[in-house]
C-alpha cells in the first residue's frame, strides 16, 4: 500500500494512466492532484511533509540531520525578480524582509520543495552563481515554461550523460540547472 512518501511515483502513474485515455496533464497538475488525495491544500505542503519525514529518517545516531541547502542569489531589481521567479518559473513568494525603509530586499521563493533566497544586499552573494537542482518532471517543466509569455527566455532540454538538463538564467546572470537524472 502506498503512502504520502510515494507521492511522486503516484503522480507519474496518474499522468501515464490519463495519457492512455488521451488526457494530457502536466507533472505539476499530477502532483497537485496527489496532494489533494492525501488531504493537503497543495503540493508544497505535501512536499514539506515528505521532506520532514525524509530528514527524520536521515538523522544520524548523534541526532544530526542536514537539510537541503537554500542557495542565495544576488538580485538588483525587485520587479524583475517577480517577473522571473514568480510569473515565469512559477515559484511562490514565501516572505520578504527589509531592515528598514529604503533598504534592499531579502526574500525567499519556493516551488515543489526547492527553496531559494534572493538578496539585494551587497556581500550576500555574487551575481552569476549557479544552483544545480535534481528533480523529476523536467520535460513537463520545460513545456510549462515554454508556454509562458516570457520574452527573455525559452529554455530547452539538453541530454547529458547524467540526465536531461534544462538551464535558466535570471535577469542577474544567476543560473539554475534543473536536472532529471538518468534511470541508470
N, C-alpha and C. Protein backbone atom coordinates (compact mmCIF):
# COMPACT_ATOMS: atom_id res chain seq x y z
N UNK A 1 0.85 -1.17 0.00
CA UNK A 1 0.00 0.00 0.00
C UNK A 1 0.89 1.24 0.00
N UNK A 2 0.59 2.18 -0.87
CA UNK A 2 1.38 3.41 -0.95
C UNK A 2 0.97 4.40 0.13
N UNK A 3 1.93 5.27 0.50
CA UNK A 3 1.61 6.35 1.42
C UNK A 3 2.13 7.66 0.83
N UNK A 4 2.05 8.75 1.60
CA UNK A 4 2.41 10.07 1.06
C UNK A 4 3.86 10.15 0.59
N UNK A 5 4.73 9.27 1.10
CA UNK A 5 6.13 9.28 0.66
C UNK A 5 6.27 8.81 -0.79
N UNK A 6 5.25 8.15 -1.31
CA UNK A 6 5.24 7.68 -2.69
C UNK A 6 4.57 8.67 -3.63
N UNK A 7 4.35 9.89 -3.21
CA UNK A 7 3.56 10.87 -3.96
C UNK A 7 4.09 11.11 -5.37
N UNK A 8 5.40 11.22 -5.53
CA UNK A 8 5.95 11.49 -6.87
C UNK A 8 5.70 10.31 -7.80
N UNK A 9 5.87 9.11 -7.31
CA UNK A 9 5.60 7.92 -8.13
C UNK A 9 4.12 7.85 -8.48
N UNK A 10 3.27 8.21 -7.52
CA UNK A 10 1.83 8.20 -7.76
C UNK A 10 1.45 9.24 -8.83
N UNK A 11 2.07 10.40 -8.78
CA UNK A 11 1.79 11.45 -9.77
C UNK A 11 2.22 10.99 -11.16
N UNK A 12 3.36 10.33 -11.23
CA UNK A 12 3.86 9.82 -12.51
C UNK A 12 2.89 8.76 -13.06
N UNK A 13 2.42 7.88 -12.21
CA UNK A 13 1.46 6.85 -12.63
C UNK A 13 0.14 7.46 -13.06
N UNK A 14 -0.33 8.46 -12.34
CA UNK A 14 -1.57 9.15 -12.70
C UNK A 14 -1.45 9.79 -14.07
N UNK A 15 -0.35 10.50 -14.29
CA UNK A 15 -0.11 11.16 -15.58
C UNK A 15 -0.10 10.13 -16.71
N UNK A 16 0.59 8.99 -16.51
CA UNK A 16 0.68 7.95 -17.54
C UNK A 16 -0.69 7.32 -17.81
N UNK A 17 -1.45 7.07 -16.76
CA UNK A 17 -2.78 6.47 -16.93
C UNK A 17 -3.71 7.40 -17.70
N UNK A 18 -3.69 8.69 -17.35
CA UNK A 18 -4.53 9.65 -18.05
C UNK A 18 -4.09 9.82 -19.50
N UNK A 19 -2.79 9.75 -19.74
CA UNK A 19 -2.25 9.86 -21.11
C UNK A 19 -2.81 8.74 -21.99
N UNK A 20 -2.95 7.54 -21.43
CA UNK A 20 -3.53 6.42 -22.18
C UNK A 20 -4.98 6.69 -22.57
N UNK A 21 -5.64 7.57 -21.84
CA UNK A 21 -7.03 7.93 -22.14
C UNK A 21 -7.10 9.25 -22.91
N UNK A 22 -5.96 9.66 -23.50
CA UNK A 22 -5.85 10.91 -24.26
C UNK A 22 -6.16 12.15 -23.43
N UNK A 23 -5.83 12.08 -22.15
CA UNK A 23 -5.94 13.24 -21.26
C UNK A 23 -4.53 13.61 -20.86
N UNK A 24 -4.09 14.78 -21.30
CA UNK A 24 -2.71 15.20 -21.04
C UNK A 24 -2.70 16.24 -19.94
N UNK A 25 -2.02 15.93 -18.83
CA UNK A 25 -1.84 16.89 -17.74
C UNK A 25 -0.35 17.05 -17.48
N UNK A 26 0.02 18.18 -16.91
CA UNK A 26 1.43 18.41 -16.59
C UNK A 26 1.81 17.61 -15.34
N UNK A 27 3.10 17.45 -15.13
CA UNK A 27 3.57 16.78 -13.92
C UNK A 27 3.12 17.57 -12.68
N UNK A 28 3.16 18.89 -12.79
CA UNK A 28 2.72 19.74 -11.68
C UNK A 28 1.26 19.50 -11.34
N UNK A 29 0.42 19.36 -12.37
CA UNK A 29 -1.00 19.10 -12.12
C UNK A 29 -1.19 17.74 -11.45
N UNK A 30 -0.41 16.76 -11.88
CA UNK A 30 -0.50 15.43 -11.27
C UNK A 30 -0.08 15.49 -9.80
N UNK A 31 0.99 16.24 -9.50
CA UNK A 31 1.43 16.39 -8.11
C UNK A 31 0.35 17.06 -7.26
N UNK A 32 -0.29 18.08 -7.81
CA UNK A 32 -1.35 18.77 -7.07
C UNK A 32 -2.52 17.81 -6.81
N UNK A 33 -2.86 16.97 -7.80
CA UNK A 33 -3.95 16.00 -7.63
C UNK A 33 -3.63 14.99 -6.54
N UNK A 34 -2.41 14.51 -6.51
CA UNK A 34 -2.00 13.55 -5.48
C UNK A 34 -2.03 14.21 -4.10
N UNK A 35 -1.56 15.45 -4.02
CA UNK A 35 -1.60 16.17 -2.74
C UNK A 35 -3.05 16.27 -2.24
N UNK A 36 -3.97 16.58 -3.14
CA UNK A 36 -5.39 16.69 -2.76
C UNK A 36 -5.93 15.34 -2.28
N UNK A 37 -5.49 14.24 -2.91
CA UNK A 37 -5.95 12.92 -2.50
C UNK A 37 -5.53 12.61 -1.06
N UNK A 38 -4.40 13.13 -0.65
CA UNK A 38 -3.93 12.91 0.73
C UNK A 38 -4.47 13.96 1.70
N UNK A 39 -5.29 14.89 1.18
CA UNK A 39 -5.92 15.88 2.04
C UNK A 39 -5.10 17.13 2.29
N UNK A 40 -4.07 17.36 1.47
CA UNK A 40 -3.24 18.56 1.63
C UNK A 40 -3.75 19.66 0.72
N UNK A 41 -3.56 20.91 1.11
CA UNK A 41 -4.07 22.03 0.33
C UNK A 41 -3.36 22.18 -1.01
N UNK A 42 -2.08 21.83 -1.07
CA UNK A 42 -1.36 21.89 -2.34
C UNK A 42 -0.08 21.05 -2.25
N UNK A 43 0.63 20.96 -3.37
CA UNK A 43 1.83 20.13 -3.44
C UNK A 43 2.91 20.63 -2.50
N UNK A 44 3.05 21.95 -2.35
CA UNK A 44 4.11 22.49 -1.49
C UNK A 44 3.96 22.00 -0.05
N UNK A 45 2.73 21.91 0.44
CA UNK A 45 2.50 21.44 1.81
C UNK A 45 2.89 19.96 1.91
N UNK A 46 2.47 19.16 0.93
CA UNK A 46 2.83 17.74 0.94
C UNK A 46 4.34 17.57 0.79
N UNK A 47 4.97 18.36 -0.09
CA UNK A 47 6.42 18.26 -0.28
C UNK A 47 7.16 18.55 1.03
N UNK A 48 6.68 19.53 1.78
CA UNK A 48 7.30 19.84 3.08
C UNK A 48 7.16 18.67 4.04
N UNK A 49 6.01 18.00 4.03
CA UNK A 49 5.80 16.83 4.90
C UNK A 49 6.74 15.69 4.48
N UNK A 50 6.89 15.50 3.18
CA UNK A 50 7.81 14.48 2.67
C UNK A 50 9.23 14.80 3.10
N UNK A 51 9.63 16.08 2.94
CA UNK A 51 10.97 16.49 3.34
C UNK A 51 11.20 16.25 4.83
N UNK A 52 10.20 16.60 5.64
CA UNK A 52 10.34 16.41 7.09
C UNK A 52 10.49 14.94 7.44
N UNK A 53 9.72 14.09 6.78
CA UNK A 53 9.82 12.64 7.04
C UNK A 53 11.16 12.10 6.57
N UNK A 54 11.65 12.62 5.46
CA UNK A 54 12.94 12.19 4.93
C UNK A 54 14.07 12.61 5.86
N UNK A 55 13.99 13.84 6.37
CA UNK A 55 15.00 14.33 7.31
C UNK A 55 14.98 13.50 8.59
N UNK A 56 13.79 13.21 9.09
CA UNK A 56 13.67 12.40 10.31
C UNK A 56 14.34 11.04 10.10
N UNK A 57 14.11 10.44 8.93
CA UNK A 57 14.70 9.14 8.63
C UNK A 57 16.21 9.24 8.42
N UNK A 58 16.69 10.44 8.01
CA UNK A 58 18.10 10.60 7.70
C UNK A 58 18.94 11.07 8.89
N UNK A 59 18.33 11.32 10.02
CA UNK A 59 19.07 11.78 11.19
C UNK A 59 20.02 10.67 11.64
N UNK A 60 21.29 11.05 11.84
CA UNK A 60 22.26 10.03 12.23
C UNK A 60 22.19 9.76 13.74
N UNK A 61 23.01 8.85 14.20
CA UNK A 61 22.95 8.42 15.60
C UNK A 61 23.27 9.54 16.60
N UNK A 62 23.94 10.60 16.15
CA UNK A 62 24.24 11.71 17.05
C UNK A 62 23.11 12.72 17.11
N UNK A 63 22.04 12.48 16.31
CA UNK A 63 20.92 13.41 16.29
C UNK A 63 21.08 14.52 15.27
N UNK A 64 22.10 14.43 14.44
CA UNK A 64 22.35 15.46 13.43
C UNK A 64 21.68 15.07 12.12
N UNK A 65 20.96 16.03 11.54
CA UNK A 65 20.34 15.85 10.22
C UNK A 65 20.62 17.10 9.40
N UNK A 66 21.22 16.94 8.26
CA UNK A 66 21.48 18.07 7.38
C UNK A 66 20.31 18.21 6.42
N UNK A 67 19.86 19.44 6.23
CA UNK A 67 18.73 19.72 5.35
C UNK A 67 19.26 20.19 3.99
N UNK A 68 18.39 20.18 2.99
CA UNK A 68 18.79 20.66 1.67
C UNK A 68 19.20 22.13 1.78
N UNK A 69 20.26 22.52 1.10
CA UNK A 69 20.70 23.92 1.17
C UNK A 69 19.73 24.85 0.45
N UNK A 70 19.73 26.10 0.85
CA UNK A 70 18.96 27.14 0.17
C UNK A 70 19.96 28.13 -0.41
N UNK A 71 20.25 28.03 -1.70
CA UNK A 71 21.21 28.97 -2.30
C UNK A 71 20.73 30.41 -2.15
N UNK A 72 21.68 31.33 -2.05
CA UNK A 72 21.38 32.76 -2.03
C UNK A 72 21.85 33.33 -3.36
N UNK A 73 20.93 33.97 -4.08
CA UNK A 73 21.27 34.63 -5.35
C UNK A 73 21.19 36.14 -5.15
N UNK A 74 22.14 36.84 -5.74
CA UNK A 74 22.17 38.31 -5.69
C UNK A 74 21.18 38.84 -6.71
N UNK A 75 20.38 39.83 -6.31
CA UNK A 75 19.39 40.45 -7.17
C UNK A 75 19.57 41.97 -7.16
N UNK A 76 19.02 42.64 -8.17
CA UNK A 76 19.17 44.09 -8.26
C UNK A 76 17.86 44.83 -8.53
N UNK A 77 16.83 44.13 -9.00
CA UNK A 77 15.59 44.78 -9.42
C UNK A 77 14.41 43.93 -8.96
N UNK A 78 13.62 44.47 -8.03
CA UNK A 78 12.52 43.71 -7.44
C UNK A 78 11.45 43.33 -8.47
N UNK A 79 11.17 44.22 -9.41
CA UNK A 79 10.16 43.92 -10.43
C UNK A 79 10.61 42.74 -11.30
N UNK A 80 11.88 42.74 -11.67
CA UNK A 80 12.42 41.63 -12.48
C UNK A 80 12.43 40.32 -11.68
N UNK A 81 12.65 40.40 -10.38
CA UNK A 81 12.59 39.21 -9.53
C UNK A 81 11.21 38.57 -9.64
N UNK A 82 10.17 39.38 -9.49
CA UNK A 82 8.80 38.86 -9.53
C UNK A 82 8.44 38.33 -10.92
N UNK A 83 8.85 39.05 -11.96
CA UNK A 83 8.57 38.59 -13.33
C UNK A 83 9.23 37.24 -13.60
N UNK A 84 10.47 37.07 -13.15
CA UNK A 84 11.20 35.85 -13.46
C UNK A 84 10.82 34.69 -12.53
N UNK A 85 10.97 34.88 -11.24
CA UNK A 85 10.78 33.78 -10.30
C UNK A 85 9.32 33.42 -10.06
N UNK A 86 8.45 34.41 -9.98
CA UNK A 86 7.04 34.14 -9.69
C UNK A 86 6.26 33.87 -10.98
N UNK A 87 6.28 34.84 -11.89
CA UNK A 87 5.47 34.73 -13.10
C UNK A 87 6.01 33.69 -14.09
N UNK A 88 7.32 33.65 -14.28
CA UNK A 88 7.88 32.73 -15.27
C UNK A 88 8.14 31.33 -14.70
N UNK A 89 8.95 31.24 -13.64
CA UNK A 89 9.29 29.92 -13.10
C UNK A 89 8.17 29.29 -12.26
N UNK A 90 7.20 30.09 -11.85
CA UNK A 90 6.08 29.54 -11.09
C UNK A 90 6.37 29.32 -9.62
N UNK A 91 7.39 29.99 -9.09
CA UNK A 91 7.70 29.91 -7.66
C UNK A 91 6.68 30.75 -6.90
N UNK A 92 6.62 30.51 -5.61
CA UNK A 92 5.75 31.32 -4.75
C UNK A 92 6.66 32.17 -3.86
N UNK A 93 6.22 33.38 -3.59
CA UNK A 93 6.94 34.26 -2.67
C UNK A 93 6.54 33.88 -1.26
N UNK A 94 7.49 33.33 -0.48
CA UNK A 94 7.20 32.87 0.87
C UNK A 94 7.23 34.01 1.88
N UNK A 95 8.22 34.86 1.77
CA UNK A 95 8.32 36.00 2.66
C UNK A 95 9.32 37.01 2.11
N UNK A 96 9.20 38.26 2.61
CA UNK A 96 10.12 39.34 2.27
C UNK A 96 10.61 39.97 3.57
N UNK A 97 11.84 40.51 3.53
CA UNK A 97 12.37 41.19 4.71
C UNK A 97 13.20 42.40 4.28
N UNK A 98 13.10 43.45 5.06
CA UNK A 98 13.95 44.64 4.91
C UNK A 98 14.34 45.09 6.31
N UNK A 99 15.54 45.57 6.45
CA UNK A 99 15.99 46.04 7.76
C UNK A 99 15.43 47.41 8.11
N UNK A 100 14.83 48.08 7.14
CA UNK A 100 14.23 49.39 7.38
C UNK A 100 13.73 49.97 6.08
N UNK A 101 13.18 51.19 6.16
CA UNK A 101 12.72 51.86 4.95
C UNK A 101 13.89 52.09 4.00
N UNK A 102 13.63 51.91 2.73
CA UNK A 102 14.62 52.14 1.69
C UNK A 102 15.86 51.24 1.84
N UNK A 103 15.67 50.03 2.36
CA UNK A 103 16.73 49.03 2.45
C UNK A 103 16.50 47.98 1.37
N UNK A 104 17.55 47.25 1.00
CA UNK A 104 17.39 46.21 -0.02
C UNK A 104 16.47 45.08 0.44
N UNK A 105 15.91 44.40 -0.56
CA UNK A 105 15.03 43.27 -0.32
C UNK A 105 15.83 42.01 -0.05
N UNK A 106 15.37 41.23 0.91
CA UNK A 106 15.84 39.85 1.12
C UNK A 106 14.56 39.03 1.18
N UNK A 107 14.46 37.99 0.34
CA UNK A 107 13.22 37.23 0.32
C UNK A 107 13.49 35.75 0.05
N UNK A 108 12.45 34.97 0.23
CA UNK A 108 12.52 33.54 -0.06
C UNK A 108 11.42 33.20 -1.05
N UNK A 109 11.79 32.42 -2.08
CA UNK A 109 10.83 31.88 -3.03
C UNK A 109 10.97 30.36 -3.02
N UNK A 110 9.88 29.66 -3.36
CA UNK A 110 9.96 28.20 -3.35
C UNK A 110 8.98 27.61 -4.35
N UNK A 111 9.28 26.37 -4.71
CA UNK A 111 8.38 25.58 -5.54
C UNK A 111 8.72 24.11 -5.35
N UNK A 112 7.71 23.32 -5.10
CA UNK A 112 7.84 21.85 -5.02
C UNK A 112 9.02 21.38 -4.17
N UNK A 113 9.22 22.03 -3.04
CA UNK A 113 10.27 21.61 -2.13
C UNK A 113 11.61 22.29 -2.35
N UNK A 114 11.76 23.08 -3.41
CA UNK A 114 13.01 23.81 -3.65
C UNK A 114 12.86 25.22 -3.08
N UNK A 115 13.87 25.67 -2.35
CA UNK A 115 13.85 27.00 -1.74
C UNK A 115 15.06 27.79 -2.20
N UNK A 116 14.84 29.05 -2.56
CA UNK A 116 15.92 29.98 -2.92
C UNK A 116 15.78 31.24 -2.07
N UNK A 117 16.90 31.79 -1.67
CA UNK A 117 16.92 33.09 -1.03
C UNK A 117 17.45 34.08 -2.06
N UNK A 118 16.81 35.23 -2.15
CA UNK A 118 17.19 36.27 -3.11
C UNK A 118 17.52 37.52 -2.32
N UNK A 119 18.69 38.09 -2.58
CA UNK A 119 19.15 39.20 -1.75
C UNK A 119 19.65 40.38 -2.59
N UNK A 120 19.18 41.56 -2.21
CA UNK A 120 19.67 42.79 -2.80
C UNK A 120 20.83 43.37 -2.01
N UNK A 121 21.26 42.68 -0.97
CA UNK A 121 22.34 43.18 -0.10
C UNK A 121 23.71 42.88 -0.70
N UNK A 122 24.51 43.90 -0.81
CA UNK A 122 25.89 43.73 -1.27
C UNK A 122 26.63 42.83 -0.29
N UNK A 123 27.32 41.85 -0.80
CA UNK A 123 28.10 40.96 0.05
C UNK A 123 27.42 39.65 0.39
N UNK A 124 26.10 39.54 0.19
CA UNK A 124 25.41 38.28 0.47
C UNK A 124 25.77 37.21 -0.56
N UNK A 125 25.93 37.61 -1.78
CA UNK A 125 26.23 36.67 -2.86
C UNK A 125 26.77 37.45 -4.04
N UNK A 126 27.39 36.74 -4.95
CA UNK A 126 27.91 37.37 -6.17
C UNK A 126 26.99 37.04 -7.33
N UNK A 127 26.72 38.01 -8.20
CA UNK A 127 25.91 37.71 -9.37
C UNK A 127 26.62 36.66 -10.22
N UNK A 128 25.87 35.86 -10.91
CA UNK A 128 26.46 34.85 -11.78
C UNK A 128 26.66 33.51 -11.11
N UNK A 129 26.00 33.28 -9.98
CA UNK A 129 26.11 31.99 -9.29
C UNK A 129 25.28 30.93 -10.02
N UNK A 130 25.52 29.66 -9.69
CA UNK A 130 24.77 28.56 -10.29
C UNK A 130 24.28 27.64 -9.18
N UNK A 131 23.01 27.23 -9.30
CA UNK A 131 22.44 26.20 -8.41
C UNK A 131 22.08 25.01 -9.28
N UNK A 132 22.45 23.83 -8.84
CA UNK A 132 22.14 22.58 -9.53
C UNK A 132 21.00 21.90 -8.78
N UNK A 133 19.90 21.65 -9.47
CA UNK A 133 18.70 21.12 -8.83
C UNK A 133 18.34 19.77 -9.45
N UNK A 134 18.37 18.72 -8.65
CA UNK A 134 17.93 17.41 -9.10
C UNK A 134 16.42 17.37 -8.96
N UNK A 135 15.74 16.89 -9.98
CA UNK A 135 14.28 16.90 -9.98
C UNK A 135 13.73 15.77 -10.83
N UNK A 136 12.43 15.59 -10.78
CA UNK A 136 11.75 14.74 -11.73
C UNK A 136 10.75 15.62 -12.46
N UNK A 137 10.42 15.25 -13.69
CA UNK A 137 9.47 16.03 -14.48
C UNK A 137 10.07 17.20 -15.21
N UNK A 138 11.35 17.14 -15.55
CA UNK A 138 12.00 18.29 -16.20
C UNK A 138 11.40 18.57 -17.57
N UNK A 139 10.98 17.55 -18.31
CA UNK A 139 10.38 17.77 -19.63
C UNK A 139 9.04 18.50 -19.47
N UNK A 140 8.23 18.09 -18.51
CA UNK A 140 6.96 18.77 -18.25
C UNK A 140 7.19 20.22 -17.81
N UNK A 141 8.21 20.43 -17.00
CA UNK A 141 8.52 21.79 -16.54
C UNK A 141 8.96 22.66 -17.71
N UNK A 142 9.78 22.10 -18.60
CA UNK A 142 10.23 22.84 -19.77
C UNK A 142 9.03 23.24 -20.64
N UNK A 143 8.09 22.32 -20.83
CA UNK A 143 6.89 22.63 -21.62
C UNK A 143 6.07 23.72 -20.94
N UNK A 144 5.98 23.65 -19.62
CA UNK A 144 5.25 24.67 -18.87
C UNK A 144 5.89 26.04 -19.10
N UNK A 145 7.22 26.11 -18.99
CA UNK A 145 7.92 27.39 -19.17
C UNK A 145 7.81 27.89 -20.61
N UNK A 146 7.90 26.98 -21.57
CA UNK A 146 7.81 27.37 -22.98
C UNK A 146 6.45 27.98 -23.29
N UNK A 147 5.43 27.57 -22.55
CA UNK A 147 4.09 28.09 -22.75
C UNK A 147 3.83 29.43 -22.09
N UNK A 148 4.75 29.88 -21.30
CA UNK A 148 4.57 31.17 -20.61
C UNK A 148 4.99 32.31 -21.53
N UNK A 149 4.39 33.44 -21.32
CA UNK A 149 4.67 34.61 -22.14
C UNK A 149 5.83 35.41 -21.54
N UNK A 150 7.02 34.80 -21.55
CA UNK A 150 8.21 35.46 -21.02
C UNK A 150 9.17 35.66 -22.19
N UNK A 151 9.33 36.89 -22.62
CA UNK A 151 10.07 37.19 -23.84
C UNK A 151 11.57 36.96 -23.74
N UNK A 152 12.11 36.91 -22.53
CA UNK A 152 13.56 36.89 -22.36
C UNK A 152 14.18 35.49 -22.35
N UNK A 153 13.34 34.43 -22.36
CA UNK A 153 13.93 33.10 -22.28
C UNK A 153 12.93 32.04 -22.69
N UNK A 154 13.40 31.11 -23.48
CA UNK A 154 12.64 29.91 -23.85
C UNK A 154 13.61 28.73 -23.70
N UNK A 155 13.77 28.22 -22.47
CA UNK A 155 14.77 27.17 -22.24
C UNK A 155 14.42 25.86 -22.94
N UNK A 156 15.46 25.14 -23.31
CA UNK A 156 15.30 23.83 -23.91
C UNK A 156 15.89 22.75 -23.01
N UNK A 157 15.74 21.52 -23.45
CA UNK A 157 16.28 20.37 -22.72
C UNK A 157 17.55 19.90 -23.43
N UNK A 158 18.59 19.65 -22.66
CA UNK A 158 19.82 19.08 -23.21
C UNK A 158 20.02 17.70 -22.60
N UNK A 159 20.35 16.74 -23.46
CA UNK A 159 20.68 15.39 -23.00
C UNK A 159 22.13 15.39 -22.55
N UNK A 160 22.37 15.08 -21.30
CA UNK A 160 23.71 14.98 -20.76
C UNK A 160 23.96 13.52 -20.38
N UNK A 161 25.20 13.11 -20.20
CA UNK A 161 25.45 11.73 -19.79
C UNK A 161 24.78 11.37 -18.46
N UNK A 162 24.53 12.38 -17.61
CA UNK A 162 23.95 12.14 -16.29
C UNK A 162 22.43 12.34 -16.27
N UNK A 163 21.84 12.85 -17.37
CA UNK A 163 20.39 13.02 -17.40
C UNK A 163 19.95 14.15 -18.31
N UNK A 164 18.66 14.46 -18.23
CA UNK A 164 18.08 15.56 -19.01
C UNK A 164 18.22 16.83 -18.19
N UNK A 165 18.72 17.89 -18.84
CA UNK A 165 19.03 19.12 -18.11
C UNK A 165 18.43 20.33 -18.81
N UNK A 166 17.86 21.22 -18.02
CA UNK A 166 17.33 22.49 -18.51
C UNK A 166 17.95 23.60 -17.68
N UNK A 167 18.55 24.57 -18.34
CA UNK A 167 19.18 25.69 -17.63
C UNK A 167 18.39 26.97 -17.88
N UNK A 168 18.11 27.69 -16.80
CA UNK A 168 17.50 29.01 -16.90
C UNK A 168 18.48 30.02 -16.30
N UNK A 169 18.45 31.23 -16.83
CA UNK A 169 19.33 32.30 -16.35
C UNK A 169 18.46 33.48 -15.96
N UNK A 170 18.57 33.90 -14.71
CA UNK A 170 17.73 35.01 -14.26
C UNK A 170 18.28 36.34 -14.78
N UNK A 171 17.55 37.44 -14.60
CA UNK A 171 17.98 38.74 -15.11
C UNK A 171 19.28 39.26 -14.49
N UNK A 172 19.82 38.54 -13.48
CA UNK A 172 21.02 38.99 -12.78
C UNK A 172 22.20 38.04 -13.03
N UNK A 173 22.06 37.21 -14.07
CA UNK A 173 23.08 36.25 -14.53
C UNK A 173 23.25 35.04 -13.62
N UNK A 174 22.32 34.80 -12.71
CA UNK A 174 22.34 33.58 -11.90
C UNK A 174 21.71 32.45 -12.70
N UNK A 175 22.28 31.26 -12.61
CA UNK A 175 21.79 30.11 -13.36
C UNK A 175 21.19 29.06 -12.42
N UNK A 176 20.13 28.44 -12.90
CA UNK A 176 19.59 27.26 -12.22
C UNK A 176 19.59 26.14 -13.25
N UNK A 177 20.29 25.06 -12.93
CA UNK A 177 20.30 23.90 -13.80
C UNK A 177 19.38 22.85 -13.20
N UNK A 178 18.25 22.63 -13.84
CA UNK A 178 17.29 21.62 -13.41
C UNK A 178 17.64 20.32 -14.13
N UNK A 179 17.90 19.27 -13.38
CA UNK A 179 18.33 18.02 -13.99
C UNK A 179 17.51 16.84 -13.50
N UNK A 180 17.02 16.07 -14.44
CA UNK A 180 16.36 14.80 -14.12
C UNK A 180 17.37 13.71 -14.42
N UNK A 181 17.91 13.06 -13.38
CA UNK A 181 18.97 12.07 -13.59
C UNK A 181 18.49 10.91 -14.47
N UNK A 182 19.46 10.32 -15.17
CA UNK A 182 19.17 9.13 -15.96
C UNK A 182 18.74 8.01 -15.03
N UNK A 183 17.96 7.10 -15.56
CA UNK A 183 17.49 5.96 -14.77
C UNK A 183 18.63 5.01 -14.42
N UNK A 184 19.73 5.09 -15.13
CA UNK A 184 20.86 4.18 -14.91
C UNK A 184 21.53 4.43 -13.58
